[in-house]
Amino acid sequence: MSKIKLSSINPKPLIDGYLARFIHTGNMTFSFVDVTAGKTLPEHSHINEQVSIMLEGEFELTLNGEPIRFGPGEVIVIPSNAKHSGLAVTDCKLLDVFYPVREDYRALSEKK
């Protein structure tokens, strides 16, 4: 796999208002997420390190109890097992990168 057109990837619903297109490598998961304004992300954690890159819009992420607002061109690093939640302030486009691979997302991307 050397070249992928994002529009050719079928989006999968993560939760209400969060649609993702996934690319998995041997060690990482790339999740291109479209988020509807006003939709929340419940608090959760995972073993994966996560880097969230805001492509469009504004999002408020709460990381270990601290709210952080970020917009286009800004990046947040979420350590392994850190509790986090969020709220889409506007419609958003995010790129979330996970290491190691998110096996739950791999399974979701393989569902028809």
PDB file of N, CA and C in Angstrom:
ATOM      1  N   MET A   1       0.855  -1.171   0.000  1.00  0.00           N
ATOM      2  CA  MET A   1       0.000   0.000   0.000  1.00  0.00           C
ATOM      3  C   MET A   1       0.899   1.231   0.000  1.00  0.00           C
ATOM      4  N   SER A   2       0.869   1.979  -1.097  1.00  0.00           N
ATOM      5  CA  SER A   2       1.733   3.148  -1.152  1.00  0.00           C
ATOM      6  C   SER A   2       0.977   4.458  -1.330  1.00  0.00           C
ATOM      7  N   LYS A   3      -0.173   4.417  -1.983  1.00  0.00           N
ATOM      8  CA  LYS A   3      -0.949   5.644  -2.190  1.00  0.00           C
ATOM      9  C   LYS A   3      -2.414   5.334  -1.917  1.00  0.00           C
ATOM     10  N   ILE A   4      -3.024   6.182  -1.093  1.00  0.00           N
ATOM     11  CA  ILE A   4      -4.422   5.976  -0.717  1.00  0.00           C
ATOM     12  C   ILE A   4      -5.171   7.286  -0.917  1.00  0.00           C
ATOM     13  N   LYS A   5      -6.335   7.208  -1.522  1.00  0.00           N
ATOM     14  CA  LYS A   5      -7.196   8.384  -1.667  1.00  0.00           C
ATOM     15  C   LYS A   5      -8.209   8.332  -0.532  1.00  0.00           C
ATOM     16  N   LEU A   6      -8.195   9.329   0.356  1.00  0.00           N
ATOM     17  CA  LEU A   6      -9.078   9.320   1.528  1.00  0.00           C
ATOM     18  C   LEU A   6     -10.545   9.172   1.147  1.00  0.00           C
ATOM     19  N   SER A   7     -10.942   9.805   0.060  1.00  0.00           N
ATOM     20  CA  SER A   7     -12.354   9.739  -0.330  1.00  0.00           C
ATOM     21  C   SER A   7     -12.777   8.329  -0.734  1.00  0.00           C
ATOM     22  N   SER A   8     -11.810   7.438  -0.983  1.00  0.00           N
ATOM     23  CA  SER A   8     -12.150   6.058  -1.351  1.00  0.00           C
ATOM     24  C   SER A   8     -12.370   5.174  -0.122  1.00  0.00           C
ATOM     25  N   ILE A   9     -12.075   5.697   1.073  1.00  0.00           N
ATOM     26  CA  ILE A   9     -12.246   4.931   2.303  1.00  0.00           C
ATOM     27  C   ILE A   9     -13.645   5.175   2.847  1.00  0.00           C
ATOM     28  N   ASN A  10     -14.369   4.106   3.100  1.00  0.00           N
ATOM     29  CA  ASN A  10     -15.718   4.204   3.656  1.00  0.00           C
ATOM     30  C   ASN A  10     -15.651   4.714   5.094  1.00  0.00           C
ATOM     31  N   PRO A  11     -16.325   5.829   5.424  1.00  0.00           N
ATOM     32  CA  PRO A  11     -16.309   6.297   6.813  1.00  0.00           C
ATOM     33  C   PRO A  11     -17.103   5.369   7.721  1.00  0.00           C
ATOM     34  N   LYS A  12     -16.631   5.220   8.944  1.00  0.00           N
ATOM     35  CA  LYS A  12     -17.277   4.377   9.949  1.00  0.00           C
ATOM     36  C   LYS A  12     -17.667   5.235  11.145  1.00  0.00           C
ATOM     37  N   PRO A  13     -18.880   5.060  11.671  1.00  0.00           N
ATOM     38  CA  PRO A  13     -19.261   5.826  12.862  1.00  0.00           C
ATOM     39  C   PRO A  13     -18.512   5.302  14.097  1.00  0.00           C
ATOM     40  N   LEU A  14     -17.901   6.226  14.835  1.00  0.00           N
ATOM     41  CA  LEU A  14     -17.255   5.873  16.105  1.00  0.00           C
ATOM     42  C   LEU A  14     -18.291   5.950  17.216  1.00  0.00           C
ATOM     43  N   ILE A  15     -18.903   7.121  17.334  1.00  0.00           N
ATOM     44  CA  ILE A  15     -20.030   7.389  18.229  1.00  0.00           C
ATOM     45  C   ILE A  15     -20.874   8.434  17.522  1.00  0.00           C
ATOM     46  N   ASP A  16     -21.994   8.816  18.106  1.00  0.00           N
ATOM     47  CA  ASP A  16     -22.881   9.798  17.490  1.00  0.00           C
ATOM     48  C   ASP A  16     -22.120  11.089  17.155  1.00  0.00           C
ATOM     49  N   GLY A  17     -22.138  11.458  15.862  1.00  0.00           N
ATOM     50  CA  GLY A  17     -21.509  12.697  15.424  1.00  0.00           C
ATOM     51  C   GLY A  17     -20.034  12.588  15.086  1.00  0.00           C
ATOM     52  N   TYR A  18     -19.450  11.397  15.175  1.00  0.00           N
ATOM     53  CA  TYR A  18     -18.022  11.179  14.899  1.00  0.00           C
ATOM     54  C   TYR A  18     -17.892  10.099  13.821  1.00  0.00           C
ATOM     55  N   LEU A  19     -17.479  10.499  12.612  1.00  0.00           N
ATOM     56  CA  LEU A  19     -17.264   9.573  11.503  1.00  0.00           C
ATOM     57  C   LEU A  19     -15.783   9.528  11.185  1.00  0.00           C
ATOM     58  N   ALA A  20     -15.221   8.317  11.036  1.00  0.00           N
ATOM     59  CA  ALA A  20     -13.782   8.189  10.831  1.00  0.00           C
ATOM     60  C   ALA A  20     -13.450   7.347   9.609  1.00  0.00           C
ATOM     61  N   ARG A  21     -12.363   7.725   8.968  1.00  0.00           N
ATOM     62  CA  ARG A  21     -11.749   6.931   7.900  1.00  0.00           C
ATOM     63  C   ARG A  21     -10.403   6.464   8.450  1.00  0.00           C
ATOM     64  N   PHE A  22     -10.123   5.170   8.352  1.00  0.00           N
ATOM     65  CA  PHE A  22      -8.933   4.601   8.977  1.00  0.00           C
ATOM     66  C   PHE A  22      -7.901   4.143   7.962  1.00  0.00           C
ATOM     67  N   ILE A  23      -6.648   4.363   8.326  1.00  0.00           N
ATOM     68  CA  ILE A  23      -5.511   3.761   7.642  1.00  0.00           C
ATOM     69  C   ILE A  23      -4.667   3.109   8.727  1.00  0.00           C
ATOM     70  N   HIS A  24      -4.334   1.837   8.520  1.00  0.00           N
ATOM     71  CA  HIS A  24      -3.528   1.096   9.494  1.00  0.00           C
ATOM     72  C   HIS A  24      -2.218   0.684   8.834  1.00  0.00           C
ATOM     73  N   THR A  25      -1.121   0.914   9.547  1.00  0.00           N
ATOM     74  CA  THR A  25       0.170   0.392   9.108  1.00  0.00           C
ATOM     75  C   THR A  25       0.521  -0.763  10.034  1.00  0.00           C
ATOM     76  N   GLY A  26       1.709  -1.276   9.943  1.00  0.00           N
ATOM     77  CA  GLY A  26       2.120  -2.343  10.826  1.00  0.00           C
ATOM     78  C   GLY A  26       2.161  -1.935  12.284  1.00  0.00           C
ATOM     79  N   ASN A  27       2.371  -0.629  12.555  1.00  0.00           N
ATOM     80  CA  ASN A  27       2.558  -0.156  13.927  1.00  0.00           C
ATOM     81  C   ASN A  27       1.646   0.990  14.355  1.00  0.00           C
ATOM     82  N   MET A  28       0.940   1.614  13.411  1.00  0.00           N
ATOM     83  CA  MET A  28       0.161   2.808  13.739  1.00  0.00           C
ATOM     84  C   MET A  28      -1.226   2.764  13.116  1.00  0.00           C
ATOM     85  N   THR A  29      -2.125   3.537  13.713  1.00  0.00           N
ATOM     86  CA  THR A  29      -3.441   3.778  13.133  1.00  0.00           C
ATOM     87  C   THR A  29      -3.591   5.276  12.909  1.00  0.00           C
ATOM     88  N   PHE A  30      -4.068   5.635  11.727  1.00  0.00           N
ATOM     89  CA  PHE A  30      -4.382   7.017  11.378  1.00  0.00           C
ATOM     90  C   PHE A  30      -5.897   7.090  11.235  1.00  0.00           C
ATOM     91  N   SER A  31      -6.520   7.965  12.007  1.00  0.00           N
ATOM     92  CA  SER A  31      -7.963   8.102  12.009  1.00  0.00           C
ATOM     93  C   SER A  31      -8.319   9.532  11.598  1.00  0.00           C
ATOM     94  N   PHE A  32      -8.893   9.677  10.415  1.00  0.00           N
ATOM     95  CA  PHE A  32      -9.334  10.976   9.907  1.00  0.00           C
ATOM     96  C   PHE A  32     -10.794  11.118  10.316  1.00  0.00           C
ATOM     97  N   VAL A  33     -11.068  12.030  11.243  1.00  0.00           N
ATOM     98  CA  VAL A  33     -12.384  12.098  11.882  1.00  0.00           C
ATOM     99  C   VAL A  33     -13.100  13.400  11.529  1.00  0.00           C
ATOM    100  N   ASP A  34     -14.353  13.267  11.080  1.00  0.00           N
ATOM    101  CA  ASP A  34     -15.253  14.405  10.887  1.00  0.00           C
ATOM    102  C   ASP A  34     -16.187  14.422  12.090  1.00  0.00           C
ATOM    103  N   VAL A  35     -16.253  15.572  12.771  1.00  0.00           N
ATOM    104  CA  VAL A  35     -17.053  15.692  13.990  1.00  0.00           C
ATOM    105  C   VAL A  35     -18.085  16.800  13.812  1.00  0.00           C
ATOM    106  N   THR A  36     -19.306  16.523  14.227  1.00  0.00           N
ATOM    107  CA  THR A  36     -20.395  17.487  14.156  1.00  0.00           C
ATOM    108  C   THR A  36     -20.352  18.412  15.377  1.00  0.00           C
ATOM    109  N   ALA A  37     -20.533  19.706  15.147  1.00  0.00           N
ATOM    110  CA  ALA A  37     -20.532  20.696  16.231  1.00  0.00           C
ATOM    111  C   ALA A  37     -21.491  20.291  17.336  1.00  0.00           C
ATOM    112  N   GLY A  38     -21.052  20.465  18.577  1.00  0.00           N
ATOM    113  CA  GLY A  38     -21.879  20.190  19.743  1.00  0.00           C
ATOM    114  C   GLY A  38     -21.817  18.752  20.235  1.00  0.00           C
ATOM    115  N   LYS A  39     -21.197  17.863  19.492  1.00  0.00           N
ATOM    116  CA  LYS A  39     -21.130  16.453  19.882  1.00  0.00           C
ATOM    117  C   LYS A  39     -19.989  16.231  20.875  1.00  0.00           C
ATOM    118  N   THR A  40     -20.271  15.414  21.873  1.00  0.00           N
ATOM    119  CA  THR A  40     -19.287  15.161  22.931  1.00  0.00           C
ATOM    120  C   THR A  40     -18.583  13.824  22.714  1.00  0.00           C
ATOM    121  N   LEU A  41     -17.410  13.743  23.274  1.00  0.00           N
ATOM    122  CA  LEU A  41     -16.617  12.517  23.320  1.00  0.00           C
ATOM    123  C   LEU A  41     -16.536  12.123  24.789  1.00  0.00           C
ATOM    124  N   PRO A  42     -17.151  10.994  25.174  1.00  0.00           N
ATOM    125  CA  PRO A  42     -17.139  10.604  26.588  1.00  0.00           C
ATOM    126  C   PRO A  42     -15.722  10.336  27.089  1.00  0.00           C
ATOM    127  N   GLU A  43     -15.530  10.519  28.386  1.00  0.00           N
ATOM    128  CA  GLU A  43     -14.213  10.264  28.974  1.00  0.00           C
ATOM    129  C   GLU A  43     -13.831   8.800  28.778  1.00  0.00           C
ATOM    130  N   HIS A  44     -12.589   8.593  28.389  1.00  0.00           N
ATOM    131  CA  HIS A  44     -12.070   7.249  28.172  1.00  0.00           C
ATOM    132  C   HIS A  44     -10.542   7.299  28.221  1.00  0.00           C
ATOM    133  N   SER A  45      -9.935   6.143  28.164  1.00  0.00           N
ATOM    134  CA  SER A  45      -8.482   6.036  28.046  1.00  0.00           C
ATOM    135  C   SER A  45      -8.183   4.770  27.255  1.00  0.00           C
ATOM    136  N   HIS A  46      -6.956   4.665  26.776  1.00  0.00           N
ATOM    137  CA  HIS A  46      -6.517   3.487  26.035  1.00  0.00           C
ATOM    138  C   HIS A  46      -5.005   3.374  26.167  1.00  0.00           C
ATOM    139  N   ILE A  47      -4.498   2.193  25.865  1.00  0.00           N
ATOM    140  CA  ILE A  47      -3.056   1.967  26.005  1.00  0.00           C
ATOM    141  C   ILE A  47      -2.253   2.715  24.956  1.00  0.00           C
ATOM    142  N   ASN A  48      -2.911   3.128  23.883  1.00  0.00           N
ATOM    143  CA  ASN A  48      -2.216   3.757  22.760  1.00  0.00           C
ATOM    144  C   ASN A  48      -1.807   5.187  23.075  1.00  0.00           C
ATOM    145  N   GLU A  49      -0.603   5.562  22.662  1.00  0.00           N
ATOM    146  CA  GLU A  49      -0.259   6.978  22.612  1.00  0.00           C
ATOM    147  C   GLU A  49      -1.084   7.569  21.475  1.00  0.00           C
ATOM    148  N   GLN A  50      -1.489   8.832  21.631  1.00  0.00           N
ATOM    149  CA  GLN A  50      -2.322   9.469  20.610  1.00  0.00           C
ATOM    150  C   GLN A  50      -1.808  10.870  20.347  1.00  0.00           C
ATOM    151  N   VAL A  51      -1.724  11.218  19.082  1.00  0.00           N
ATOM    152  CA  VAL A  51      -1.422  12.582  18.669  1.00  0.00           C
ATOM    153  C   VAL A  51      -2.624  13.071  17.882  1.00  0.00           C
ATOM    154  N   SER A  52      -3.265  14.149  18.354  1.00  0.00           N
ATOM    155  CA  SER A  52      -4.437  14.727  17.690  1.00  0.00           C
ATOM    156  C   SER A  52      -4.029  16.008  16.988  1.00  0.00           C
ATOM    157  N   ILE A  53      -4.318  16.073  15.702  1.00  0.00           N
ATOM    158  CA  ILE A  53      -3.964  17.224  14.876  1.00  0.00           C
ATOM    159  C   ILE A  53      -5.258  17.824  14.345  1.00  0.00           C
ATOM    160  N   MET A  54      -5.501  19.102  14.657  1.00  0.00           N
ATOM    161  CA  MET A  54      -6.718  19.764  14.182  1.00  0.00           C
ATOM    162  C   MET A  54      -6.478  20.281  12.765  1.00  0.00           C
ATOM    163  N   LEU A  55      -7.294  19.796  11.849  1.00  0.00           N
ATOM    164  CA  LEU A  55      -7.199  20.231  10.458  1.00  0.00           C
ATOM    165  C   LEU A  55      -8.146  21.393  10.177  1.00  0.00           C
ATOM    166  N   GLU A  56      -9.381  21.294  10.699  1.00  0.00           N
ATOM    167  CA  GLU A  56     -10.392  22.353  10.529  1.00  0.00           C
ATOM    168  C   GLU A  56     -11.269  22.390  11.765  1.00  0.00           C
ATOM    169  N   GLY A  57     -11.691  23.582  12.159  1.00  0.00           N
ATOM    170  CA  GLY A  57     -12.636  23.725  13.254  1.00  0.00           C
ATOM    171  C   GLY A  57     -11.967  23.921  14.605  1.00  0.00           C
ATOM    172  N   GLU A  58     -12.807  23.821  15.648  1.00  0.00           N
ATOM    173  CA  GLU A  58     -12.326  24.038  17.010  1.00  0.00           C
ATOM    174  C   GLU A  58     -12.914  22.961  17.913  1.00  0.00           C
ATOM    175  N   PHE A  59     -12.069  22.432  18.808  1.00  0.00           N
ATOM    176  CA  PHE A  59     -12.434  21.323  19.684  1.00  0.00           C
ATOM    177  C   PHE A  59     -11.906  21.622  21.075  1.00  0.00           C
ATOM    178  N   GLU A  60     -12.681  21.250  22.086  1.00  0.00           N
ATOM    179  CA  GLU A  60     -12.193  21.374  23.465  1.00  0.00           C
ATOM    180  C   GLU A  60     -11.960  19.976  24.008  1.00  0.00           C
ATOM    181  N   LEU A  61     -10.706  19.662  24.240  1.00  0.00           N
ATOM    182  CA  LEU A  61     -10.313  18.371  24.790  1.00  0.00           C
ATOM    183  C   LEU A  61     -10.040  18.557  26.278  1.00  0.00           C
ATOM    184  N   THR A  62     -10.555  17.655  27.087  1.00  0.00           N
ATOM    185  CA  THR A  62     -10.222  17.661  28.510  1.00  0.00           C
ATOM    186  C   THR A  62      -9.283  16.492  28.736  1.00  0.00           C
ATOM    187  N   LEU A  63      -8.067  16.810  29.151  1.00  0.00           N
ATOM    188  CA  LEU A  63      -7.016  15.819  29.334  1.00  0.00           C
ATOM    189  C   LEU A  63      -6.607  15.804  30.794  1.00  0.00           C
ATOM    190  N   ASN A  64      -6.837  14.672  31.456  1.00  0.00           N
ATOM    191  CA  ASN A  64      -6.558  14.553  32.892  1.00  0.00           C
ATOM    192  C   ASN A  64      -7.187  15.691  33.686  1.00  0.00           C
ATOM    193  N   GLY A  65      -8.435  16.030  33.325  1.00  0.00           N
ATOM    194  CA  GLY A  65      -9.190  17.053  34.045  1.00  0.00           C
ATOM    195  C   GLY A  65      -8.928  18.483  33.610  1.00  0.00           C
ATOM    196  N   GLU A  66      -7.985  18.710  32.700  1.00  0.00           N
ATOM    197  CA  GLU A  66      -7.648  20.069  32.250  1.00  0.00           C
ATOM    198  C   GLU A  66      -8.212  20.321  30.854  1.00  0.00           C
ATOM    199  N   PRO A  67      -9.121  21.325  30.706  1.00  0.00           N
ATOM    200  CA  PRO A  67      -9.651  21.634  29.370  1.00  0.00           C
ATOM    201  C   PRO A  67      -8.611  22.351  28.513  1.00  0.00           C
ATOM    202  N   ILE A  68      -8.518  21.923  27.252  1.00  0.00           N
ATOM    203  CA  ILE A  68      -7.576  22.521  26.295  1.00  0.00           C
ATOM    204  C   ILE A  68      -8.352  22.741  25.005  1.00  0.00           C
ATOM    205  N   ARG A  69      -8.445  23.997  24.562  1.00  0.00           N
ATOM    206  CA  ARG A  69      -9.110  24.297  23.299  1.00  0.00           C
ATOM    207  C   ARG A  69      -8.050  24.342  22.210  1.00  0.00           C
ATOM    208  N   PHE A  70      -8.353  23.686  21.082  1.00  0.00           N
ATOM    209  CA  PHE A  70      -7.387  23.776  19.992  1.00  0.00           C
ATOM    210  C   PHE A  70      -8.069  23.874  18.647  1.00  0.00           C
ATOM    211  N   GLY A  71      -7.344  24.510  17.716  1.00  0.00           N
ATOM    212  CA  GLY A  71      -7.884  24.796  16.397  1.00  0.00           C
ATOM    213  C   GLY A  71      -6.910  24.388  15.305  1.00  0.00           C
ATOM    214  N   PRO A  72      -7.170  24.835  14.078  1.00  0.00           N
ATOM    215  CA  PRO A  72      -6.376  24.416  12.928  1.00  0.00           C
ATOM    216  C   PRO A  72      -4.874  24.632  13.133  1.00  0.00           C
ATOM    217  N   GLY A  73      -4.126  23.592  12.779  1.00  0.00           N
ATOM    218  CA  GLY A  73      -2.667  23.669  12.879  1.00  0.00           C
ATOM    219  C   GLY A  73      -2.123  23.388  14.266  1.00  0.00           C
ATOM    220  N   GLU A  74      -3.006  23.108  15.224  1.00  0.00           N
ATOM    221  CA  GLU A  74      -2.542  22.825  16.587  1.00  0.00           C
ATOM    222  C   GLU A  74      -2.598  21.329  16.854  1.00  0.00           C
ATOM    223  N   VAL A  75      -1.690  20.886  17.724  1.00  0.00           N
ATOM    224  CA  VAL A  75      -1.502  19.465  17.992  1.00  0.00           C
ATOM    225  C   VAL A  75      -1.541  19.227  19.493  1.00  0.00           C
ATOM    226  N   ILE A  76      -2.184  18.136  19.902  1.00  0.00           N
ATOM    227  CA  ILE A  76      -2.186  17.731  21.306  1.00  0.00           C
ATOM    228  C   ILE A  76      -1.665  16.295  21.377  1.00  0.00           C
ATOM    229  N   VAL A  77      -0.735  16.056  22.299  1.00  0.00           N
ATOM    230  CA  VAL A  77      -0.203  14.719  22.524  1.00  0.00           C
ATOM    231  C   VAL A  77      -0.875  14.147  23.766  1.00  0.00           C
ATOM    232  N   ILE A  78      -1.487  12.984  23.605  1.00  0.00           N
ATOM    233  CA  ILE A  78      -2.195  12.311  24.700  1.00  0.00           C
ATOM    234  C   ILE A  78      -1.391  11.065  25.078  1.00  0.00           C
ATOM    235  N   PRO A  79      -0.829  11.041  26.278  1.00  0.00           N
ATOM    236  CA  PRO A  79      -0.023   9.881  26.676  1.00  0.00           C
ATOM    237  C   PRO A  79      -0.867   8.616  26.832  1.00  0.00           C
ATOM    238  N   SER A  80      -0.211   7.498  26.788  1.00  0.00           N
ATOM    239  CA  SER A  80      -0.842   6.200  27.023  1.00  0.00           C
ATOM    240  C   SER A  80      -1.588   6.222  28.352  1.00  0.00           C
ATOM    241  N   ASN A  81      -2.807   5.679  28.359  1.00  0.00           N
ATOM    242  CA  ASN A  81      -3.662   5.532  29.542  1.00  0.00           C
ATOM    243  C   ASN A  81      -4.163   6.839  30.167  1.00  0.00           C
ATOM    244  N   ALA A  82      -3.947   7.985  29.521  1.00  0.00           N
ATOM    245  CA  ALA A  82      -4.442   9.263  30.045  1.00  0.00           C
ATOM    246  C   ALA A  82      -5.949   9.371  29.797  1.00  0.00           C
ATOM    247  N   LYS A  83      -6.697   9.763  30.830  1.00  0.00           N
ATOM    248  CA  LYS A  83      -8.138   9.968  30.674  1.00  0.00           C
ATOM    249  C   LYS A  83      -8.368  11.254  29.883  1.00  0.00           C
ATOM    250  N   HIS A  84      -9.272  11.158  28.884  1.00  0.00           N
ATOM    251  CA  HIS A  84      -9.591  12.331  28.083  1.00  0.00           C
ATOM    252  C   HIS A  84     -11.022  12.246  27.564  1.00  0.00           C
ATOM    253  N   SER A  85     -11.577  13.431  27.307  1.00  0.00           N
ATOM    254  CA  SER A  85     -12.927  13.567  26.773  1.00  0.00           C
ATOM    255  C   SER A  85     -12.928  14.834  25.933  1.00  0.00           C
ATOM    256  N   GLY A  86     -14.066  15.144  25.298  1.00  0.00           N
ATOM    257  CA  GLY A  86     -14.053  16.339  24.471  1.00  0.00           C
ATOM    258  C   GLY A  86     -15.415  16.806  24.034  1.00  0.00           C
ATOM    259  N   LEU A  87     -15.392  17.967  23.398  1.00  0.00           N
ATOM    260  CA  LEU A  87     -16.578  18.606  22.850  1.00  0.00           C
ATOM    261  C   LEU A  87     -16.189  19.338  21.578  1.00  0.00           C
ATOM    262  N   ALA A  88     -16.922  19.083  20.490  1.00  0.00           N
ATOM    263  CA  ALA A  88     -16.713  19.807  19.245  1.00  0.00           C
ATOM    264  C   ALA A  88     -17.373  21.176  19.370  1.00  0.00           C
ATOM    265  N   VAL A  89     -16.579  22.224  19.431  1.00  0.00           N
ATOM    266  CA  VAL A  89     -17.093  23.593  19.527  1.00  0.00           C
ATOM    267  C   VAL A  89     -17.730  23.982  18.194  1.00  0.00           C
ATOM    268  N   THR A  90     -17.095  23.562  17.095  1.00  0.00           N
ATOM    269  CA  THR A  90     -17.619  23.760  15.738  1.00  0.00           C
ATOM    270  C   THR A  90     -17.537  22.405  15.022  1.00  0.00           C
ATOM    271  N   ASP A  91     -18.043  22.340  13.793  1.00  0.00           N
ATOM    272  CA  ASP A  91     -17.746  21.168  12.973  1.00  0.00           C
ATOM    273  C   ASP A  91     -16.226  21.085  12.866  1.00  0.00           C
ATOM    274  N   CYS A  92     -15.682  19.874  12.941  1.00  0.00           N
ATOM    275  CA  CYS A  92     -14.225  19.689  12.979  1.00  0.00           C
ATOM    276  C   CYS A  92     -13.782  18.595  12.033  1.00  0.00           C
ATOM    277  N   LYS A  93     -12.538  18.715  11.611  1.00  0.00           N
ATOM    278  CA  LYS A  93     -11.826  17.643  10.931  1.00  0.00           C
ATOM    279  C   LYS A  93     -10.520  17.465  11.693  1.00  0.00           C
ATOM    280  N   LEU A  94     -10.336  16.242  12.226  1.00  0.00           N
ATOM    281  CA  LEU A  94      -9.144  15.922  13.002  1.00  0.00           C
ATOM    282  C   LEU A  94      -8.419  14.744  12.385  1.00  0.00           C
ATOM    283  N   LEU A  95      -7.123  14.706  12.600  1.00  0.00           N
ATOM    284  CA  LEU A  95      -6.336  13.524  12.314  1.00  0.00           C
ATOM    285  C   LEU A  95      -5.795  13.028  13.648  1.00  0.00           C
ATOM    286  N   ASP A  96      -6.205  11.828  14.038  1.00  0.00           N
ATOM    287  CA  ASP A  96      -5.696  11.196  15.250  1.00  0.00           C
ATOM    288  C   ASP A  96      -4.750  10.077  14.833  1.00  0.00           C
ATOM    289  N   VAL A  97      -3.546  10.106  15.381  1.00  0.00           N
ATOM    290  CA  VAL A  97      -2.543   9.089  15.100  1.00  0.00           C
ATOM    291  C   VAL A  97      -2.304   8.304  16.387  1.00  0.00           C
ATOM    292  N   PHE A  98      -2.367   6.985  16.291  1.00  0.00           N
ATOM    293  CA  PHE A  98      -2.232   6.109  17.459  1.00  0.00           C
ATOM    294  C   PHE A  98      -1.048   5.165  17.289  1.00  0.00           C
ATOM    295  N   TYR A  99      -0.312   4.962  18.392  1.00  0.00           N
ATOM    296  CA  TYR A  99       0.751   3.960  18.445  1.00  0.00           C
ATOM    297  C   TYR A  99       0.621   3.215  19.757  1.00  0.00           C
ATOM    298  N   PRO A 100       0.608   1.902  19.741  1.00  0.00           N
ATOM    299  CA  PRO A 100       0.558   1.034  18.560  1.00  0.00           C
ATOM    300  C   PRO A 100      -0.814   1.081  17.902  1.00  0.00           C
ATOM    301  N   VAL A 101      -0.987   0.228  16.898  1.00  0.00           N
ATOM    302  CA  VAL A 101      -2.255   0.140  16.156  1.00  0.00           C
ATOM    303  C   VAL A 101      -3.428   0.004  17.123  1.00  0.00           C
ATOM    304  N   ARG A 102      -4.512   0.721  16.837  1.00  0.00           N
ATOM    305  CA  ARG A 102      -5.765   0.539  17.587  1.00  0.00           C
ATOM    306  C   ARG A 102      -6.475  -0.667  17.000  1.00  0.00           C
ATOM    307  N   GLU A 103      -6.370  -1.784  17.684  1.00  0.00           N
ATOM    308  CA  GLU A 103      -6.970  -3.021  17.170  1.00  0.00           C
ATOM    309  C   GLU A 103      -8.494  -2.920  17.098  1.00  0.00           C
ATOM    310  N   ASP A 104      -9.115  -2.164  18.024  1.00  0.00           N
ATOM    311  CA  ASP A 104     -10.564  -1.979  17.952  1.00  0.00           C
ATOM    312  C   ASP A 104     -10.953  -1.209  16.700  1.00  0.00           C
ATOM    313  N   TYR A 105     -10.131  -0.237  16.300  1.00  0.00           N
ATOM    314  CA  TYR A 105     -10.407   0.508  15.072  1.00  0.00           C
ATOM    315  C   TYR A 105     -10.131  -0.344  13.832  1.00  0.00           C
ATOM    316  N   ARG A 106      -9.117  -1.192  13.907  1.00  0.00           N
ATOM    317  CA  ARG A 106      -8.849  -2.096  12.776  1.00  0.00           C
ATOM    318  C   ARG A 106     -10.066  -3.001  12.561  1.00  0.00           C
ATOM    319  N   ALA A 107     -10.604  -3.562  13.650  1.00  0.00           N
ATOM    320  CA  ALA A 107     -11.779  -4.434  13.544  1.00  0.00           C
ATOM    321  C   ALA A 107     -12.975  -3.660  12.986  1.00  0.00           C
ATOM    322  N   LEU A 108     -13.165  -2.415  13.435  1.00  0.00           N
ATOM    323  CA  LEU A 108     -14.273  -1.594  12.947  1.00  0.00           C
ATOM    324  C   LEU A 108     -14.104  -1.301  11.463  1.00  0.00           C
ATOM    325  N   SER A 109     -12.890  -1.021  11.030  1.00  0.00           N
ATOM    326  CA  SER A 109     -12.657  -0.680   9.621  1.00  0.00           C
ATOM    327  C   SER A 109     -12.861  -1.886   8.707  1.00  0.00           C
ATOM    328  N   GLU A 110     -12.761  -3.088   9.253  1.00  0.00           N
ATOM    329  CA  GLU A 110     -12.949  -4.302   8.459  1.00  0.00           C
ATOM    330  C   GLU A 110     -14.412  -4.733   8.388  1.00  0.00           C
ATOM    331  N   LYS A 111     -15.279  -4.141   9.229  1.00  0.00           N
ATOM    332  CA  LYS A 111     -16.714  -4.471   9.181  1.00  0.00           C
ATOM    333  C   LYS A 111     -17.315  -3.924   7.892  1.00  0.00           C
ATOM    334  N   LYS A 112     -18.216  -4.680   7.335  1.00  0.00           N
ATOM    335  CA  LYS A 112     -18.881  -4.246   6.086  1.00  0.00           C
ATOM    336  C   LYS A 112     -20.135  -3.482   6.396  1.00  0.00           C
TER     337      LYS A 112
END
